[in-house]
C-alpha atoms as a PDB file:
ATOM      1  CA  MET A   1      68.969   5.308-173.005  1.00  0.00           C
ATOM      2  CA  ILE A   2      67.168   8.488-172.055  1.00  0.00           C
ATOM      3  CA  LYS A   3      63.754   7.964-170.543  1.00  0.00           C
ATOM      4  CA  ALA A   4      63.299  11.303-168.780  1.00  0.00           C
ATOM      5  CA  PHE A   5      64.417  14.896-169.243  1.00  0.00           C
ATOM      6  CA  ILE A   6      64.926  17.210-166.277  1.00  0.00           C
ATOM      7  CA  PHE A   7      64.993  20.850-167.299  1.00  0.00           C
ATOM      8  CA  ASP A   8      66.410  23.827-165.475  1.00  0.00           C
ATOM      9  CA  LYS A   9      63.963  26.783-165.797  1.00  0.00           C
ATOM     10  CA  ASP A  10      65.651  30.171-166.155  1.00  0.00           C
ATOM     11  CA  GLY A  11      68.070  30.437-169.076  1.00  0.00           C
ATOM     12  CA  THR A  12      66.955  27.072-170.334  1.00  0.00           C
ATOM     13  CA  LEU A  13      63.152  27.327-170.869  1.00  0.00           C
ATOM     14  CA  PHE A  14      62.900  31.113-170.363  1.00  0.00           C
ATOM     15  CA  ASP A  15      65.185  33.981-171.469  1.00  0.00           C
ATOM     16  CA  PHE A  16      67.279  34.723-168.347  1.00  0.00           C
ATOM     17  CA  GLN A  17      67.874  38.420-168.708  1.00  0.00           C
ATOM     18  CA  ALA A  18      64.463  39.262-170.055  1.00  0.00           C
ATOM     19  CA  THR A  19      62.971  37.712-166.917  1.00  0.00           C
ATOM     20  CA  TRP A  20      65.481  38.061-164.067  1.00  0.00           C
ATOM     21  CA  GLY A  21      67.282  41.192-165.297  1.00  0.00           C
ATOM     22  CA  VAL A  22      63.859  42.844-165.209  1.00  0.00           C
ATOM     23  CA  TRP A  23      63.024  41.318-161.835  1.00  0.00           C
ATOM     24  CA  THR A  24      66.248  42.454-160.192  1.00  0.00           C
ATOM     25  CA  GLY A  25      65.832  45.983-161.424  1.00  0.00           C
ATOM     26  CA  LEU A  26      62.311  46.049-159.992  1.00  0.00           C
ATOM     27  CA  ILE A  27      63.198  44.746-156.538  1.00  0.00           C
ATOM     28  CA  ILE A  28      66.161  47.080-156.238  1.00  0.00           C
ATOM     29  CA  SER A  29      63.921  50.005-157.099  1.00  0.00           C
ATOM     30  CA  ASP A  30      61.150  48.864-154.661  1.00  0.00           C
ATOM     31  CA  LEU A  31      63.460  48.024-151.785  1.00  0.00           C
ATOM     32  CA  ALA A  32      65.481  51.205-152.141  1.00  0.00           C
ATOM     33  CA  ASP A  33      62.452  53.519-152.425  1.00  0.00           C
ATOM     34  CA  GLY A  34      64.413  56.302-154.049  1.00  0.00           C
ATOM     35  CA  ASP A  35      67.544  56.033-151.889  1.00  0.00           C
ATOM     36  CA  ALA A  36      70.305  56.385-154.422  1.00  0.00           C
ATOM     37  CA  ALA A  37      72.974  55.025-152.110  1.00  0.00           C
ATOM     38  CA  LEU A  38      70.905  51.981-151.289  1.00  0.00           C
ATOM     39  CA  ILE A  39      70.101  51.400-154.967  1.00  0.00           C
ATOM     40  CA  GLN A  40      73.864  51.284-155.716  1.00  0.00           C
ATOM     41  CA  ALA A  41      74.539  49.060-152.667  1.00  0.00           C
ATOM     42  CA  LEU A  42      71.839  46.518-153.661  1.00  0.00           C
ATOM     43  CA  ALA A  43      73.138  46.559-157.260  1.00  0.00           C
ATOM     44  CA  ASP A  44      76.634  45.943-156.018  1.00  0.00           C
ATOM     45  CA  ARG A  45      75.553  43.091-153.697  1.00  0.00           C
ATOM     46  CA  LEU A  46      73.579  41.358-156.533  1.00  0.00           C
ATOM     47  CA  ASP A  47      76.263  42.132-159.227  1.00  0.00           C
ATOM     48  CA  TYR A  48      73.642  44.007-161.313  1.00  0.00           C
ATOM     49  CA  ASP A  49      74.433  46.514-164.019  1.00  0.00           C
ATOM     50  CA  LEU A  50      72.129  49.449-163.398  1.00  0.00           C
ATOM     51  CA  ASP A  51      72.824  51.019-166.777  1.00  0.00           C
ATOM     52  CA  ALA A  52      72.323  47.883-168.915  1.00  0.00           C
ATOM     53  CA  HIS A  53      69.569  46.506-166.676  1.00  0.00           C
ATOM     54  CA  VAL A  54      71.114  43.040-166.622  1.00  0.00           C
ATOM     55  CA  LEU A  55      72.773  40.760-164.123  1.00  0.00           C
ATOM     56  CA  ARG A  56      76.470  40.472-164.814  1.00  0.00           C
ATOM     57  CA  PRO A  57      77.782  36.995-165.792  1.00  0.00           C
ATOM     58  CA  THR A  58      79.557  36.826-162.399  1.00  0.00           C
ATOM     59  CA  SER A  59      76.356  37.339-160.384  1.00  0.00           C
ATOM     60  CA  PHE A  60      75.512  34.632-157.869  1.00  0.00           C
ATOM     61  CA  VAL A  61      71.837  35.311-158.687  1.00  0.00           C
ATOM     62  CA  ILE A  62      72.147  33.470-161.959  1.00  0.00           C
ATOM     63  CA  ALA A  63      72.405  30.071-160.330  1.00  0.00           C
ATOM     64  CA  GLY A  64      71.618  30.970-156.742  1.00  0.00           C
ATOM     65  CA  ALA A  65      68.732  29.665-154.682  1.00  0.00           C
ATOM     66  CA  ALA A  66      65.943  32.007-153.566  1.00  0.00           C
ATOM     67  CA  HIS A  67      67.115  31.920-149.908  1.00  0.00           C
ATOM     68  CA  GLU A  68      70.629  33.027-150.913  1.00  0.00           C
ATOM     69  CA  ILE A  69      69.335  36.214-152.350  1.00  0.00           C
ATOM     70  CA  VAL A  70      67.422  36.957-149.199  1.00  0.00           C
ATOM     71  CA  ASP A  71      70.602  36.234-147.159  1.00  0.00           C
ATOM     72  CA  ALA A  72      72.608  38.516-149.451  1.00  0.00           C
ATOM     73  CA  VAL A  73      70.482  41.619-149.296  1.00  0.00           C
ATOM     74  CA  LEU A  74      68.943  41.454-145.800  1.00  0.00           C
ATOM     75  CA  PRO A  75      72.032  43.021-144.142  1.00  0.00           C
ATOM     76  CA  LEU A  76      71.427  46.143-146.234  1.00  0.00           C
ATOM     77  CA  LEU A  77      67.714  46.375-145.125  1.00  0.00           C
ATOM     78  CA  PRO A  78      67.485  46.883-141.394  1.00  0.00           C
ATOM     79  CA  ASN A  79      63.746  47.472-141.539  1.00  0.00           C
ATOM     80  CA  TRP A  80      63.012  44.032-143.044  1.00  0.00           C
ATOM     81  CA  GLU A  81      62.838  40.586-141.422  1.00  0.00           C
ATOM     82  CA  TRP A  82      63.970  37.433-143.236  1.00  0.00           C
ATOM     83  CA  ASP A  83      60.505  35.803-143.602  1.00  0.00           C
ATOM     84  CA  ALA A  84      58.820  39.010-144.851  1.00  0.00           C
ATOM     85  CA  LEU A  85      61.650  39.699-147.288  1.00  0.00           C
ATOM     86  CA  SER A  86      61.441  36.124-148.622  1.00  0.00           C
ATOM     87  CA  VAL A  87      57.685  36.435-149.186  1.00  0.00           C
ATOM     88  CA  PHE A  88      58.138  39.843-150.869  1.00  0.00           C
ATOM     89  CA  LEU A  89      60.827  38.499-153.271  1.00  0.00           C
ATOM     90  CA  ASN A  90      58.864  35.335-154.029  1.00  0.00           C
ATOM     91  CA  ASP A  91      55.675  37.382-154.769  1.00  0.00           C
ATOM     92  CA  LYS A  92      57.682  39.646-157.139  1.00  0.00           C
ATOM     93  CA  ALA A  93      59.230  36.591-158.769  1.00  0.00           C
ATOM     94  CA  ALA A  94      55.912  34.931-159.366  1.00  0.00           C
ATOM     95  CA  ALA A  95      54.528  38.020-161.021  1.00  0.00           C
ATOM     96  CA  VAL A  96      57.523  38.815-163.324  1.00  0.00           C
ATOM     97  CA  PRO A  97      56.683  38.421-167.043  1.00  0.00           C
ATOM     98  CA  GLN A  98      58.188  35.344-168.598  1.00  0.00           C
ATOM     99  CA  VAL A  99      59.876  35.248-172.042  1.00  0.00           C
ATOM    100  CA  PRO A 100      60.146  31.689-173.342  1.00  0.00           C
ATOM    101  CA  VAL A 101      63.152  30.814-175.422  1.00  0.00           C
ATOM    102  CA  ALA A 102      60.867  28.958-177.855  1.00  0.00           C
ATOM    103  CA  ASP A 103      57.378  27.574-178.273  1.00  0.00           C
ATOM    104  CA  LEU A 104      57.535  25.503-175.092  1.00  0.00           C
ATOM    105  CA  ASP A 105      54.296  23.649-175.803  1.00  0.00           C
ATOM    106  CA  ALA A 106      55.745  22.460-179.102  1.00  0.00           C
ATOM    107  CA  VAL A 107      59.090  21.379-177.637  1.00  0.00           C
ATOM    108  CA  LEU A 108      57.656  19.729-174.498  1.00  0.00           C
ATOM    109  CA  GLY A 109      54.774  18.288-176.409  1.00  0.00           C
ATOM    110  CA  ASP A 110      57.070  16.718-178.942  1.00  0.00           C
ATOM    111  CA  LEU A 111      59.113  15.024-176.206  1.00  0.00           C
ATOM    112  CA  ARG A 112      56.065  13.913-174.274  1.00  0.00           C
ATOM    113  CA  GLY A 113      54.646  12.464-177.410  1.00  0.00           C
ATOM    114  CA  ARG A 114      57.737  10.323-177.823  1.00  0.00           C
ATOM    115  CA  GLY A 115      57.101   8.860-174.362  1.00  0.00           C
ATOM    116  CA  TYR A 116      59.656  10.724-172.318  1.00  0.00           C
ATOM    117  CA  LYS A 117      58.948  11.812-168.780  1.00  0.00           C
ATOM    118  CA  LEU A 118      59.535  15.545-168.167  1.00  0.00           C
ATOM    119  CA  ALA A 119      60.372  17.523-164.996  1.00  0.00           C
ATOM    120  CA  VAL A 120      61.743  20.911-164.061  1.00  0.00           C
ATOM    121  CA  MET A 121      64.220  21.464-161.238  1.00  0.00           C
ATOM    122  CA  THR A 122      65.006  25.119-160.456  1.00  0.00           C
ATOM    123  CA  ASN A 123      66.798  27.000-157.707  1.00  0.00           C
ATOM    124  CA  ASP A 124      63.834  29.339-157.783  1.00  0.00           C
ATOM    125  CA  ALA A 125      61.090  28.734-155.221  1.00  0.00           C
ATOM    126  CA  GLU A 126      58.548  26.054-156.225  1.00  0.00           C
ATOM    127  CA  SER A 127      55.576  28.460-155.967  1.00  0.00           C
ATOM    128  CA  SER A 128      57.012  30.968-158.339  1.00  0.00           C
ATOM    129  CA  ALA A 129      58.237  28.240-160.678  1.00  0.00           C
ATOM    130  CA  ARG A 130      54.750  26.791-160.895  1.00  0.00           C
ATOM    131  CA  ALA A 131      53.387  30.295-161.611  1.00  0.00           C
ATOM    132  CA  HIS A 132      55.863  30.745-164.450  1.00  0.00           C
ATOM    133  CA  LEU A 133      55.189  27.285-165.888  1.00  0.00           C
ATOM    134  CA  ALA A 134      51.397  27.413-165.405  1.00  0.00           C
ATOM    135  CA  PRO A 135      50.608  27.293-169.186  1.00  0.00           C
ATOM    136  CA  HIS A 136      52.797  24.205-169.520  1.00  0.00           C
ATOM    137  CA  LEU A 137      52.151  22.194-166.352  1.00  0.00           C
ATOM    138  CA  ASN A 138      49.958  19.700-168.190  1.00  0.00           C
ATOM    139  CA  LEU A 139      53.139  18.664-170.107  1.00  0.00           C
ATOM    140  CA  LEU A 140      55.293  18.201-167.018  1.00  0.00           C
ATOM    141  CA  ASP A 141      55.352  15.284-164.539  1.00  0.00           C
ATOM    142  CA  MET A 142      57.103  17.271-161.756  1.00  0.00           C
ATOM    143  CA  VAL A 143      58.196  20.745-160.788  1.00  0.00           C
ATOM    144  CA  VAL A 144      60.751  20.995-158.005  1.00  0.00           C
ATOM    145  CA  GLY A 145      62.169  24.157-156.471  1.00  0.00           C
ATOM    146  CA  SER A 146      65.034  24.851-154.068  1.00  0.00           C
ATOM    147  CA  ASP A 147      62.475  24.932-151.234  1.00  0.00           C
ATOM    148  CA  SER A 148      60.745  21.663-152.126  1.00  0.00           C
ATOM    149  CA  GLY A 149      62.712  19.708-149.505  1.00  0.00           C
ATOM    150  CA  HIS A 150      65.472  18.243-151.565  1.00  0.00           C
ATOM    151  CA  GLY A 151      68.141  21.083-151.683  1.00  0.00           C
ATOM    152  CA  ALA A 152      69.395  23.069-154.569  1.00  0.00           C
ATOM    153  CA  LYS A 153      71.755  22.665-157.388  1.00  0.00           C
ATOM    154  CA  PRO A 154      74.666  22.037-157.685  1.00  0.00           C
ATOM    155  CA  ASP A 155      73.784  19.370-155.079  1.00  0.00           C
ATOM    156  CA  PRO A 156      72.551  16.355-157.022  1.00  0.00           C
ATOM    157  CA  ALA A 157      69.969  15.437-154.315  1.00  0.00           C
ATOM    158  CA  PRO A 158      66.970  17.143-156.014  1.00  0.00           C
ATOM    159  CA  LEU A 159      67.741  15.538-159.337  1.00  0.00           C
ATOM    160  CA  LEU A 160      68.022  12.101-157.646  1.00  0.00           C
ATOM    161  CA  ALA A 161      64.672  12.754-155.844  1.00  0.00           C
ATOM    162  CA  ILE A 162      63.018  13.520-159.225  1.00  0.00           C
ATOM    163  CA  ALA A 163      64.470  10.366-160.815  1.00  0.00           C
ATOM    164  CA  LYS A 164      63.157   8.309-157.913  1.00  0.00           C
ATOM    165  CA  ALA A 165      59.693   9.842-158.050  1.00  0.00           C
ATOM    166  CA  LEU A 166      59.572   9.273-161.802  1.00  0.00           C
ATOM    167  CA  GLY A 167      60.627   5.640-161.395  1.00  0.00           C
ATOM    168  CA  VAL A 168      63.648   6.195-163.742  1.00  0.00           C
ATOM    169  CA  GLY A 169      67.245   5.348-162.968  1.00  0.00           C
ATOM    170  CA  PRO A 170      69.644   8.328-162.880  1.00  0.00           C
ATOM    171  CA  ALA A 171      71.653   6.937-165.881  1.00  0.00           C
ATOM    172  CA  ASP A 172      68.411   7.011-167.909  1.00  0.00           C
ATOM    173  CA  CYS A 173      67.768  10.723-167.109  1.00  0.00           C
ATOM    174  CA  ALA A 174      69.141  13.744-168.950  1.00  0.00           C
ATOM    175  CA  MET A 175      69.723  17.059-167.106  1.00  0.00           C
ATOM    176  CA  VAL A 176      69.208  19.986-169.385  1.00  0.00           C
ATOM    177  CA  GLY A 177      70.608  23.326-168.272  1.00  0.00           C
ATOM    178  CA  ASP A 178      72.350  26.574-169.154  1.00  0.00           C
ATOM    179  CA  SER A 179      74.799  26.769-166.240  1.00  0.00           C
ATOM    180  CA  THR A 180      77.646  24.804-164.599  1.00  0.00           C
ATOM    181  CA  HIS A 181      75.442  24.394-161.550  1.00  0.00           C
ATOM    182  CA  ASP A 182      72.922  22.530-163.669  1.00  0.00           C
ATOM    183  CA  LEU A 183      75.353  20.347-165.496  1.00  0.00           C
ATOM    184  CA  GLY A 184      77.548  19.726-162.411  1.00  0.00           C
ATOM    185  CA  ALA A 185      74.468  18.509-160.467  1.00  0.00           C
ATOM    186  CA  GLY A 186      73.543  16.269-163.409  1.00  0.00           C
ATOM    187  CA  ARG A 187      77.066  14.780-163.595  1.00  0.00           C
ATOM    188  CA  ALA A 188      77.145  14.269-159.749  1.00  0.00           C
ATOM    189  CA  ALA A 189      73.776  12.534-160.002  1.00  0.00           C
ATOM    190  CA  GLY A 190      75.118  10.139-162.682  1.00  0.00           C
ATOM    191  CA  MET A 191      72.884  11.572-165.362  1.00  0.00           C
ATOM    192  CA  GLN A 192      73.486  12.483-168.928  1.00  0.00           C
ATOM    193  CA  THR A 193      73.955  16.271-169.386  1.00  0.00           C
ATOM    194  CA  ILE A 194      72.814  18.576-172.095  1.00  0.00           C
ATOM    195  CA  GLY A 195      74.018  22.213-172.104  1.00  0.00           C
ATOM    196  CA  VAL A 196      72.057  24.977-173.887  1.00  0.00           C
ATOM    197  CA  LEU A 197      73.327  28.409-174.827  1.00  0.00           C
ATOM    198  CA  THR A 198      70.270  30.503-173.905  1.00  0.00           C
ATOM    199  CA  GLY A 199      71.641  31.693-170.538  1.00  0.00           C
ATOM    200  CA  PRO A 200      74.602  33.786-169.592  1.00  0.00           C
ATOM    201  CA  ALA A 201      77.151  31.015-169.941  1.00  0.00           C
ATOM    202  CA  VAL A 202      79.050  30.458-173.215  1.00  0.00           C
ATOM    203  CA  ARG A 203      79.985  27.187-174.857  1.00  0.00           C
ATOM    204  CA  VAL A 204      83.414  26.894-173.257  1.00  0.00           C
ATOM    205  CA  ASP A 205      81.818  27.274-169.757  1.00  0.00           C
ATOM    206  CA  LEU A 206      79.546  24.254-170.375  1.00  0.00           C
ATOM    207  CA  ALA A 207      81.666  21.933-172.603  1.00  0.00           C
ATOM    208  CA  ALA A 208      83.609  20.238-169.845  1.00  0.00           C
ATOM    209  CA  LEU A 209      80.434  19.182-168.001  1.00  0.00           C
ATOM    210  CA  ALA A 210      78.124  18.463-170.935  1.00  0.00           C
ATOM    211  CA  ASP A 211      77.727  15.332-173.087  1.00  0.00           C
ATOM    212  CA  VAL A 212      76.513  17.718-175.763  1.00  0.00           C
ATOM    213  CA  VAL A 213      76.036  21.492-176.012  1.00  0.00           C
ATOM    214  CA  LEU A 214      73.070  22.621-178.143  1.00  0.00           C
ATOM    215  CA  GLU A 215      71.978  26.141-179.071  1.00  0.00           C
ATOM    216  CA  THR A 216      68.542  25.753-177.515  1.00  0.00           C
ATOM    217  CA  VAL A 217      66.040  23.184-176.255  1.00  0.00           C
ATOM    218  CA  VAL A 218      64.481  23.345-179.679  1.00  0.00           C
ATOM    219  CA  ASP A 219      67.438  21.302-180.900  1.00  0.00           C
ATOM    220  CA  ILE A 220      66.823  18.405-178.523  1.00  0.00           C
ATOM    221  CA  PRO A 221      64.262  16.460-180.768  1.00  0.00           C
ATOM    222  CA  THR A 222      66.689  16.707-183.731  1.00  0.00           C
ATOM    223  CA  TRP A 223      69.636  15.670-181.546  1.00  0.00           C
ATOM    224  CA  LEU A 224      67.626  12.644-180.375  1.00  0.00           C
ATOM    225  CA  GLY A 225      67.479  11.478-183.985  1.00  0.00           C
ATOM    226  CA  THR A 226      71.242  11.268-184.136  1.00  0.00           C
ATOM    227  CA  ASP A 227      72.119  10.435-180.526  1.00  0.00           C
ATOM    228  CA  THR A 228      73.623   7.029-179.912  1.00  0.00           C
ATOM    229  CA  THR A 229      73.656   7.078-176.023  1.00  0.00           C
END
């Protein structure tokens, strides 16, 4: 019996490429400062398509934690230090425009009205996640990032920490996400798993790890009406 939903953020609540495709292009441009060779090197390191302005499906950025991006690009930037680069990237992330996949107030409000507890766990930094979710924080019980002290997906530890804080057993939680990192973490935590197709992954990528694959989070209230778990 589901009592709490834990949502991934990017690709689940927000359109991934419209947000992070844009962000990646901006940081490459800013960090390279017109150096064509460095632009290409950063794009290659992040697996970013400079012509299409999107992250390729194979990019680690899609499911990676914020610190992993810093670790990846720092060797290409000898004039930067780790802490300064981390702050720069987090500030850019917090300011990037968000494109919701749906009317999030309507979806989250519906679930909250039914009595479900709601949380977000993202591999983004908590500060930028809160900035992105600011219009909807009143509908959420918790927001946890990869730097919140519990680790990052696919480790189940942050999901288990959320369940404990909410006072809900893992088996009564559903992890909702668009990537195998999300669903793998949910499975490892002993939670129910709901895949959504609003990120780079396709149905076949998610099916093996999901109890159900929906088109979008908008479908969750309807699915609850027919779910027998």
